[in-house]
Amino acid sequence: MVSFASGDNMINTTLCYICRGSDYLMLHRTKKENDLNHDKWIGIGGKFLEDESPDDCLLRETLEETGLTLTSYRYRGIVTFVNTKYPSELMHLFTADGYTGALRDCDEGVLEWIDRDRLSELTLWEGDKIFLDLLRRDAPFFSLKLRYDGDTLLEAVLDGKPMQI
């Protein structure tokens, strides 16, 4: 298996923002117990299974969570999450603008199409606002490191350069 991160404690995940016109499909995480994302709005995705590539995980998680099969998607960046209270995570970030199938209920929360201009009104991780802005501006492939203490964003580093937060 190819490892995308050093160290056994780094979790590999995917996250995808599926586009429909000016809307993103968002998941309001309300149904899972002991969920570090509880009550937050996030994109679609999850943890790698053994031997999965980022694409494999993206396609499987999207189908499992939404009932949709992606037909057009783009790998946008890598986000490293470091948190004093949760395991470290290497997230492979995607957007998608093509899919087949019918949206179905998700066992992790409520799926809703949200206009991108309204995302700032939702309960999001602070760091998500940074990469959502990069997606909005169609930034080239990026590497973003976000360091948290629980829910508090302490540091953001974009392509090796510290950001003002």
N, C-alpha and C. Protein backbone atom coordinates (compact mmCIF):
# COMPACT_ATOMS: atom_id res chain seq x y z
N MET A 1 0.84 -1.19 0.00
CA MET A 1 0.00 0.00 0.00
C MET A 1 0.89 1.25 0.00
N VAL A 2 0.52 2.21 -0.80
CA VAL A 2 1.22 3.49 -0.85
C VAL A 2 0.73 4.33 0.31
N SER A 3 1.65 4.89 1.06
CA SER A 3 1.27 5.76 2.17
C SER A 3 1.39 7.21 1.73
N PHE A 4 0.39 8.01 2.05
CA PHE A 4 0.38 9.42 1.70
C PHE A 4 0.87 10.30 2.84
N ALA A 5 1.24 9.68 3.96
CA ALA A 5 1.72 10.47 5.10
C ALA A 5 2.69 9.63 5.90
N SER A 6 3.61 10.28 6.55
CA SER A 6 4.53 9.56 7.41
C SER A 6 3.89 9.41 8.78
N GLY A 7 4.22 8.34 9.44
CA GLY A 7 3.70 8.12 10.79
C GLY A 7 2.41 7.32 10.75
N ASP A 8 2.26 6.46 11.74
CA ASP A 8 1.09 5.58 11.79
C ASP A 8 -0.14 6.29 12.34
N ASN A 9 0.03 7.48 12.93
CA ASN A 9 -1.12 8.13 13.56
C ASN A 9 -1.82 9.12 12.62
N MET A 10 -1.36 9.28 11.39
CA MET A 10 -1.97 10.21 10.44
C MET A 10 -3.12 9.49 9.72
N ILE A 11 -4.30 10.06 9.78
CA ILE A 11 -5.47 9.50 9.11
C ILE A 11 -5.59 10.14 7.73
N ASN A 12 -5.75 9.33 6.69
CA ASN A 12 -5.99 9.83 5.34
C ASN A 12 -7.49 9.89 5.08
N THR A 13 -7.95 11.04 4.59
CA THR A 13 -9.37 11.22 4.29
C THR A 13 -9.52 11.95 2.95
N THR A 14 -10.76 11.96 2.46
CA THR A 14 -11.13 12.81 1.32
C THR A 14 -12.25 13.73 1.76
N LEU A 15 -12.36 14.85 1.06
CA LEU A 15 -13.49 15.76 1.23
C LEU A 15 -13.79 16.34 -0.14
N CYS A 16 -15.08 16.36 -0.49
CA CYS A 16 -15.47 16.84 -1.81
C CYS A 16 -16.64 17.81 -1.68
N TYR A 17 -16.55 18.88 -2.45
CA TYR A 17 -17.64 19.83 -2.57
C TYR A 17 -18.25 19.64 -3.96
N ILE A 18 -19.44 19.04 -3.98
CA ILE A 18 -20.14 18.77 -5.23
C ILE A 18 -20.92 20.02 -5.61
N CYS A 19 -20.71 20.48 -6.84
CA CYS A 19 -21.31 21.72 -7.34
C CYS A 19 -22.56 21.43 -8.16
N ARG A 20 -23.56 22.26 -7.97
CA ARG A 20 -24.76 22.29 -8.81
C ARG A 20 -25.10 23.77 -8.99
N GLY A 21 -24.73 24.32 -10.16
CA GLY A 21 -24.91 25.76 -10.36
C GLY A 21 -24.04 26.50 -9.36
N SER A 22 -24.65 27.40 -8.57
CA SER A 22 -23.89 28.16 -7.56
C SER A 22 -23.95 27.49 -6.18
N ASP A 23 -24.49 26.28 -6.11
CA ASP A 23 -24.64 25.57 -4.83
C ASP A 23 -23.57 24.51 -4.65
N TYR A 24 -23.22 24.26 -3.38
CA TYR A 24 -22.43 23.10 -2.97
C TYR A 24 -23.34 22.18 -2.19
N LEU A 25 -23.15 20.87 -2.35
CA LEU A 25 -23.85 19.91 -1.51
C LEU A 25 -23.11 19.85 -0.19
N MET A 26 -23.80 20.20 0.88
CA MET A 26 -23.20 20.24 2.21
C MET A 26 -23.88 19.21 3.11
N LEU A 27 -23.10 18.69 4.05
CA LEU A 27 -23.59 17.72 5.01
C LEU A 27 -23.56 18.35 6.39
N HIS A 28 -24.74 18.49 7.01
CA HIS A 28 -24.84 18.99 8.38
C HIS A 28 -24.72 17.78 9.29
N ARG A 29 -23.57 17.65 9.97
CA ARG A 29 -23.26 16.44 10.74
C ARG A 29 -24.02 16.46 12.07
N THR A 30 -25.11 15.70 12.12
CA THR A 30 -25.96 15.70 13.31
C THR A 30 -26.29 14.31 13.84
N LYS A 31 -25.95 13.25 13.12
CA LYS A 31 -26.47 11.92 13.46
C LYS A 31 -25.49 10.97 14.13
N LYS A 32 -24.20 11.17 13.96
CA LYS A 32 -23.21 10.22 14.52
C LYS A 32 -22.86 10.60 15.95
N GLU A 33 -22.70 9.58 16.81
CA GLU A 33 -22.27 9.82 18.18
C GLU A 33 -20.76 10.01 18.21
N ASN A 34 -20.27 10.79 19.16
CA ASN A 34 -18.84 11.05 19.33
C ASN A 34 -18.19 11.53 18.03
N ASP A 35 -18.86 12.42 17.33
CA ASP A 35 -18.40 12.93 16.04
C ASP A 35 -17.66 14.25 16.26
N LEU A 36 -16.37 14.30 15.88
CA LEU A 36 -15.62 15.54 16.07
C LEU A 36 -16.18 16.66 15.20
N ASN A 37 -16.96 16.31 14.17
CA ASN A 37 -17.61 17.31 13.30
C ASN A 37 -19.06 17.59 13.71
N HIS A 38 -19.48 17.12 14.88
CA HIS A 38 -20.88 17.27 15.28
C HIS A 38 -21.36 18.71 15.16
N ASP A 39 -22.50 18.86 14.51
CA ASP A 39 -23.21 20.13 14.29
C ASP A 39 -22.49 21.08 13.32
N LYS A 40 -21.40 20.62 12.72
CA LYS A 40 -20.72 21.43 11.71
C LYS A 40 -21.24 21.04 10.32
N TRP A 41 -21.09 21.96 9.38
CA TRP A 41 -21.42 21.72 7.98
C TRP A 41 -20.10 21.44 7.26
N ILE A 42 -20.04 20.33 6.54
CA ILE A 42 -18.84 19.96 5.80
C ILE A 42 -19.24 19.43 4.43
N GLY A 43 -18.25 19.18 3.60
CA GLY A 43 -18.50 18.53 2.32
C GLY A 43 -18.69 17.03 2.52
N ILE A 44 -18.58 16.28 1.44
CA ILE A 44 -18.79 14.84 1.44
C ILE A 44 -17.44 14.13 1.46
N GLY A 45 -17.30 13.11 2.29
CA GLY A 45 -16.05 12.37 2.29
C GLY A 45 -15.89 11.50 3.50
N GLY A 46 -14.68 10.98 3.67
CA GLY A 46 -14.42 10.12 4.81
C GLY A 46 -13.05 9.51 4.75
N LYS A 47 -12.84 8.50 5.59
CA LYS A 47 -11.53 7.88 5.77
C LYS A 47 -11.25 6.84 4.68
N PHE A 48 -9.96 6.75 4.32
CA PHE A 48 -9.49 5.74 3.38
C PHE A 48 -9.71 4.35 3.97
N LEU A 49 -10.06 3.40 3.14
CA LEU A 49 -9.97 1.99 3.48
C LEU A 49 -8.61 1.49 2.99
N GLU A 50 -8.21 0.31 3.45
CA GLU A 50 -6.92 -0.23 3.06
C GLU A 50 -6.80 -0.33 1.54
N ASP A 51 -5.66 0.07 1.03
CA ASP A 51 -5.31 0.00 -0.40
C ASP A 51 -6.09 0.98 -1.28
N GLU A 52 -6.82 1.93 -0.71
CA GLU A 52 -7.53 2.91 -1.53
C GLU A 52 -6.61 4.07 -1.90
N SER A 53 -6.80 4.57 -3.11
CA SER A 53 -6.19 5.83 -3.54
C SER A 53 -7.14 6.96 -3.13
N PRO A 54 -6.69 8.22 -3.23
CA PRO A 54 -7.63 9.32 -2.97
C PRO A 54 -8.88 9.24 -3.86
N ASP A 55 -8.70 8.90 -5.15
CA ASP A 55 -9.85 8.79 -6.05
C ASP A 55 -10.81 7.68 -5.61
N ASP A 56 -10.24 6.51 -5.25
CA ASP A 56 -11.07 5.39 -4.80
C ASP A 56 -11.92 5.80 -3.60
N CYS A 57 -11.29 6.43 -2.62
CA CYS A 57 -11.99 6.85 -1.41
C CYS A 57 -13.07 7.88 -1.73
N LEU A 58 -12.72 8.85 -2.56
CA LEU A 58 -13.67 9.89 -2.96
C LEU A 58 -14.92 9.27 -3.58
N LEU A 59 -14.74 8.39 -4.55
CA LEU A 59 -15.88 7.81 -5.26
C LEU A 59 -16.73 6.93 -4.34
N ARG A 60 -16.08 6.11 -3.50
CA ARG A 60 -16.81 5.24 -2.57
C ARG A 60 -17.58 6.06 -1.54
N GLU A 61 -16.91 7.01 -0.91
CA GLU A 61 -17.57 7.81 0.13
C GLU A 61 -18.74 8.63 -0.45
N THR A 62 -18.56 9.19 -1.63
CA THR A 62 -19.64 9.97 -2.24
C THR A 62 -20.85 9.09 -2.48
N LEU A 63 -20.64 7.91 -3.04
CA LEU A 63 -21.75 7.00 -3.29
C LEU A 63 -22.41 6.57 -1.99
N GLU A 64 -21.61 6.22 -0.98
CA GLU A 64 -22.16 5.78 0.31
C GLU A 64 -22.97 6.87 1.00
N GLU A 65 -22.46 8.10 0.99
CA GLU A 65 -23.11 9.18 1.74
C GLU A 65 -24.25 9.85 1.00
N THR A 66 -24.22 9.81 -0.33
CA THR A 66 -25.20 10.60 -1.09
C THR A 66 -26.05 9.80 -2.07
N GLY A 67 -25.57 8.64 -2.50
CA GLY A 67 -26.24 7.90 -3.57
C GLY A 67 -25.81 8.37 -4.95
N LEU A 68 -24.91 9.35 -5.02
CA LEU A 68 -24.47 9.89 -6.31
C LEU A 68 -23.15 9.23 -6.75
N THR A 69 -23.02 9.02 -8.06
CA THR A 69 -21.79 8.53 -8.66
C THR A 69 -21.14 9.70 -9.39
N LEU A 70 -19.94 10.07 -8.97
CA LEU A 70 -19.26 11.20 -9.61
C LEU A 70 -18.79 10.82 -11.01
N THR A 71 -19.01 11.73 -11.96
CA THR A 71 -18.56 11.53 -13.33
C THR A 71 -17.54 12.58 -13.75
N SER A 72 -17.40 13.65 -12.99
CA SER A 72 -16.44 14.71 -13.27
C SER A 72 -16.02 15.35 -11.95
N TYR A 73 -14.74 15.25 -11.64
CA TYR A 73 -14.22 15.82 -10.40
C TYR A 73 -12.79 16.28 -10.61
N ARG A 74 -12.32 17.11 -9.66
CA ARG A 74 -10.98 17.69 -9.76
C ARG A 74 -10.30 17.67 -8.39
N TYR A 75 -9.07 17.19 -8.35
CA TYR A 75 -8.27 17.16 -7.14
C TYR A 75 -7.72 18.57 -6.93
N ARG A 76 -8.06 19.20 -5.80
CA ARG A 76 -7.77 20.62 -5.60
C ARG A 76 -6.64 20.92 -4.64
N GLY A 77 -6.41 20.05 -3.67
CA GLY A 77 -5.37 20.34 -2.71
C GLY A 77 -5.28 19.30 -1.61
N ILE A 78 -4.27 19.48 -0.77
CA ILE A 78 -4.07 18.62 0.40
C ILE A 78 -4.12 19.52 1.63
N VAL A 79 -4.91 19.11 2.61
CA VAL A 79 -5.05 19.87 3.84
C VAL A 79 -4.59 18.97 4.99
N THR A 80 -3.60 19.45 5.74
CA THR A 80 -3.11 18.73 6.91
C THR A 80 -3.73 19.36 8.15
N PHE A 81 -4.45 18.55 8.90
CA PHE A 81 -5.06 19.00 10.16
C PHE A 81 -4.25 18.44 11.32
N VAL A 82 -3.84 19.33 12.22
CA VAL A 82 -3.16 18.93 13.45
C VAL A 82 -4.00 19.52 14.58
N ASN A 83 -4.35 18.69 15.56
CA ASN A 83 -5.24 19.13 16.63
C ASN A 83 -4.78 18.52 17.95
N THR A 84 -4.76 19.32 18.99
CA THR A 84 -4.35 18.82 20.30
C THR A 84 -5.33 17.80 20.87
N LYS A 85 -6.59 17.79 20.37
CA LYS A 85 -7.61 16.91 20.95
C LYS A 85 -8.05 15.78 20.03
N TYR A 86 -7.63 15.79 18.77
CA TYR A 86 -8.06 14.77 17.80
C TYR A 86 -6.85 14.27 17.03
N PRO A 87 -6.96 13.08 16.43
CA PRO A 87 -5.84 12.57 15.62
C PRO A 87 -5.54 13.49 14.43
N SER A 88 -4.27 13.50 14.02
CA SER A 88 -3.88 14.28 12.85
C SER A 88 -4.49 13.66 11.59
N GLU A 89 -4.74 14.51 10.60
CA GLU A 89 -5.44 14.06 9.40
C GLU A 89 -4.82 14.70 8.16
N LEU A 90 -4.65 13.89 7.13
CA LEU A 90 -4.23 14.37 5.82
C LEU A 90 -5.44 14.24 4.90
N MET A 91 -6.04 15.39 4.56
CA MET A 91 -7.28 15.39 3.79
C MET A 91 -7.00 15.76 2.33
N HIS A 92 -7.49 14.94 1.44
CA HIS A 92 -7.37 15.16 0.00
C HIS A 92 -8.66 15.85 -0.44
N LEU A 93 -8.53 17.09 -0.91
CA LEU A 93 -9.68 17.96 -1.19
C LEU A 93 -10.03 17.95 -2.67
N PHE A 94 -11.31 17.77 -2.96
CA PHE A 94 -11.81 17.71 -4.33
C PHE A 94 -13.02 18.62 -4.50
N THR A 95 -13.28 19.00 -5.75
CA THR A 95 -14.58 19.53 -6.14
C THR A 95 -15.08 18.63 -7.27
N ALA A 96 -16.39 18.60 -7.44
CA ALA A 96 -17.00 17.80 -8.50
C ALA A 96 -18.12 18.60 -9.14
N ASP A 97 -18.27 18.43 -10.46
CA ASP A 97 -19.34 19.14 -11.15
C ASP A 97 -20.14 18.22 -12.07
N GLY A 98 -19.93 16.92 -11.95
CA GLY A 98 -20.71 15.97 -12.73
C GLY A 98 -21.02 14.74 -11.90
N TYR A 99 -22.25 14.27 -11.99
CA TYR A 99 -22.66 13.09 -11.22
C TYR A 99 -23.92 12.50 -11.85
N THR A 100 -24.15 11.24 -11.53
CA THR A 100 -25.39 10.56 -11.90
C THR A 100 -25.99 10.00 -10.63
N GLY A 101 -27.27 9.63 -10.71
CA GLY A 101 -27.94 9.04 -9.56
C GLY A 101 -28.85 10.04 -8.88
N ALA A 102 -29.51 9.56 -7.85
CA ALA A 102 -30.46 10.39 -7.10
C ALA A 102 -29.96 10.54 -5.67
N LEU A 103 -30.05 11.75 -5.16
CA LEU A 103 -29.64 12.04 -3.79
C LEU A 103 -30.53 11.26 -2.83
N ARG A 104 -29.91 10.67 -1.83
CA ARG A 104 -30.66 9.91 -0.82
C ARG A 104 -30.25 10.39 0.57
N ASP A 105 -31.00 9.97 1.58
CA ASP A 105 -30.68 10.35 2.96
C ASP A 105 -29.32 9.79 3.36
N CYS A 106 -28.65 10.54 4.22
CA CYS A 106 -27.33 10.15 4.70
C CYS A 106 -27.44 9.79 6.18
N ASP A 107 -26.77 8.71 6.58
CA ASP A 107 -26.85 8.28 7.99
C ASP A 107 -25.92 9.07 8.90
N GLU A 108 -25.18 10.07 8.35
CA GLU A 108 -24.29 10.88 9.17
C GLU A 108 -24.84 12.27 9.45
N GLY A 109 -25.90 12.65 8.74
CA GLY A 109 -26.46 13.98 8.92
C GLY A 109 -27.41 14.32 7.80
N VAL A 110 -27.68 15.61 7.64
CA VAL A 110 -28.64 16.09 6.65
C VAL A 110 -27.89 16.70 5.48
N LEU A 111 -28.21 16.24 4.27
CA LEU A 111 -27.62 16.80 3.05
C LEU A 111 -28.48 17.95 2.56
N GLU A 112 -27.82 19.03 2.15
CA GLU A 112 -28.57 20.19 1.65
C GLU A 112 -27.72 20.96 0.64
N TRP A 113 -28.36 21.38 -0.46
CA TRP A 113 -27.69 22.24 -1.42
C TRP A 113 -27.70 23.66 -0.87
N ILE A 114 -26.50 24.25 -0.73
CA ILE A 114 -26.35 25.58 -0.14
C ILE A 114 -25.62 26.48 -1.13
N ASP A 115 -26.16 27.67 -1.36
CA ASP A 115 -25.49 28.64 -2.23
C ASP A 115 -24.12 28.98 -1.64
N ARG A 116 -23.09 28.99 -2.48
CA ARG A 116 -21.73 29.26 -2.00
C ARG A 116 -21.62 30.60 -1.29
N ASP A 117 -22.43 31.57 -1.67
CA ASP A 117 -22.40 32.88 -1.01
C ASP A 117 -22.96 32.83 0.41
N ARG A 118 -23.64 31.75 0.77
CA ARG A 118 -24.23 31.62 2.11
C ARG A 118 -23.41 30.74 3.04
N LEU A 119 -22.30 30.19 2.56
CA LEU A 119 -21.52 29.26 3.38
C LEU A 119 -21.03 29.89 4.68
N SER A 120 -20.69 31.16 4.63
CA SER A 120 -20.17 31.82 5.84
C SER A 120 -21.22 31.93 6.94
N GLU A 121 -22.49 31.74 6.61
CA GLU A 121 -23.57 31.78 7.60
C GLU A 121 -23.67 30.46 8.38
N LEU A 122 -23.02 29.41 7.89
CA LEU A 122 -23.13 28.09 8.50
C LEU A 122 -22.08 27.91 9.60
N THR A 123 -22.29 26.90 10.44
CA THR A 123 -21.32 26.53 11.46
C THR A 123 -20.26 25.67 10.78
N LEU A 124 -19.10 26.28 10.54
CA LEU A 124 -17.99 25.62 9.85
C LEU A 124 -16.75 25.63 10.76
N TRP A 125 -15.82 24.72 10.50
CA TRP A 125 -14.50 24.86 11.08
C TRP A 125 -13.89 26.14 10.53
N GLU A 126 -13.14 26.88 11.33
CA GLU A 126 -12.54 28.13 10.87
C GLU A 126 -11.62 27.90 9.67
N GLY A 127 -10.85 26.83 9.70
CA GLY A 127 -9.94 26.53 8.61
C GLY A 127 -10.66 26.19 7.31
N ASP A 128 -11.88 25.64 7.42
CA ASP A 128 -12.66 25.33 6.21
C ASP A 128 -12.94 26.60 5.43
N LYS A 129 -13.11 27.71 6.13
CA LYS A 129 -13.38 28.99 5.45
C LYS A 129 -12.19 29.37 4.56
N ILE A 130 -10.98 29.01 4.99
CA ILE A 130 -9.78 29.31 4.20
C ILE A 130 -9.79 28.52 2.91
N PHE A 131 -9.97 27.19 3.00
CA PHE A 131 -9.90 26.42 1.75
C PHE A 131 -11.15 26.60 0.90
N LEU A 132 -12.29 26.91 1.49
CA LEU A 132 -13.46 27.23 0.67
C LEU A 132 -13.23 28.51 -0.14
N ASP A 133 -12.53 29.47 0.46
CA ASP A 133 -12.19 30.69 -0.28
C ASP A 133 -11.20 30.37 -1.41
N LEU A 134 -10.24 29.49 -1.16
CA LEU A 134 -9.31 29.08 -2.22
C LEU A 134 -10.06 28.41 -3.37
N LEU A 135 -11.04 27.58 -3.04
CA LEU A 135 -11.86 26.94 -4.08
C LEU A 135 -12.65 27.99 -4.86
N ARG A 136 -13.24 28.94 -4.12
CA ARG A 136 -14.04 29.99 -4.76
C ARG A 136 -13.21 30.79 -5.75
N ARG A 137 -11.94 31.04 -5.39
CA ARG A 137 -11.05 31.82 -6.25
C ARG A 137 -10.36 30.95 -7.30
N ASP A 138 -10.71 29.65 -7.34
CA ASP A 138 -10.12 28.71 -8.29
C ASP A 138 -8.60 28.71 -8.21
N ALA A 139 -8.08 28.70 -6.98
CA ALA A 139 -6.64 28.68 -6.74
C ALA A 139 -6.04 27.40 -7.34
N PRO A 140 -4.79 27.47 -7.78
CA PRO A 140 -4.14 26.25 -8.25
C PRO A 140 -3.95 25.28 -7.08
N PHE A 141 -3.60 24.03 -7.41
CA PHE A 141 -3.40 22.99 -6.39
C PHE A 141 -2.58 23.55 -5.23
N PHE A 142 -3.03 23.29 -4.01
CA PHE A 142 -2.39 23.89 -2.84
C PHE A 142 -2.19 22.88 -1.73
N SER A 143 -1.29 23.24 -0.82
CA SER A 143 -1.07 22.50 0.42
C SER A 143 -1.36 23.48 1.56
N LEU A 144 -2.27 23.09 2.43
CA LEU A 144 -2.68 23.94 3.54
C LEU A 144 -2.54 23.13 4.83
N LYS A 145 -1.83 23.71 5.81
CA LYS A 145 -1.74 23.09 7.12
C LYS A 145 -2.54 23.94 8.10
N LEU A 146 -3.42 23.28 8.85
CA LEU A 146 -4.26 23.95 9.84
C LEU A 146 -3.96 23.32 11.21
N ARG A 147 -3.60 24.15 12.17
CA ARG A 147 -3.29 23.67 13.52
C ARG A 147 -4.34 24.21 14.48
N TYR A 148 -4.98 23.28 15.18
CA TYR A 148 -6.08 23.60 16.10
C TYR A 148 -5.76 23.16 17.53
N ASP A 149 -6.41 23.84 18.48
CA ASP A 149 -6.55 23.36 19.85
C ASP A 149 -8.05 23.16 20.03
N GLY A 150 -8.50 21.91 19.91
CA GLY A 150 -9.94 21.64 19.92
C GLY A 150 -10.59 22.31 18.73
N ASP A 151 -11.56 23.20 18.97
CA ASP A 151 -12.26 23.91 17.91
C ASP A 151 -11.61 25.25 17.53
N THR A 152 -10.51 25.61 18.20
CA THR A 152 -9.88 26.91 17.99
C THR A 152 -8.71 26.80 17.01
N LEU A 153 -8.80 27.53 15.91
CA LEU A 153 -7.72 27.56 14.93
C LEU A 153 -6.58 28.41 15.46
N LEU A 154 -5.39 27.80 15.56
CA LEU A 154 -4.22 28.50 16.08
C LEU A 154 -3.29 28.98 14.97
N GLU A 155 -3.23 28.23 13.86
CA GLU A 155 -2.27 28.55 12.81
C GLU A 155 -2.76 28.00 11.48
N ALA A 156 -2.48 28.74 10.41
CA ALA A 156 -2.74 28.29 9.05
C ALA A 156 -1.50 28.60 8.22
N VAL A 157 -1.04 27.59 7.46
CA VAL A 157 0.15 27.74 6.62
C VAL A 157 -0.23 27.27 5.22
N LEU A 158 -0.18 28.19 4.25
CA LEU A 158 -0.55 27.90 2.87
C LEU A 158 0.71 27.80 2.02
N ASP A 159 0.92 26.65 1.39
CA ASP A 159 2.09 26.42 0.54
C ASP A 159 3.38 26.86 1.23
N GLY A 160 3.51 26.49 2.53
CA GLY A 160 4.71 26.76 3.29
C GLY A 160 4.83 28.15 3.88
N LYS A 161 3.82 29.02 3.65
CA LYS A 161 3.88 30.40 4.15
C LYS A 161 2.78 30.63 5.18
N PRO A 162 3.15 31.09 6.39
CA PRO A 162 2.14 31.37 7.41
C PRO A 162 1.13 32.40 6.92
N MET A 163 -0.13 32.17 7.28
CA MET A 163 -1.22 33.09 6.91
C MET A 163 -1.65 33.89 8.14
N GLN A 164 -2.18 35.07 7.89
CA GLN A 164 -2.80 35.86 8.95
C GLN A 164 -4.18 35.25 9.23
N ILE A 165 -4.47 34.90 10.50
CA ILE A 165 -5.79 34.34 10.82
C ILE A 165 -6.54 35.23 11.79
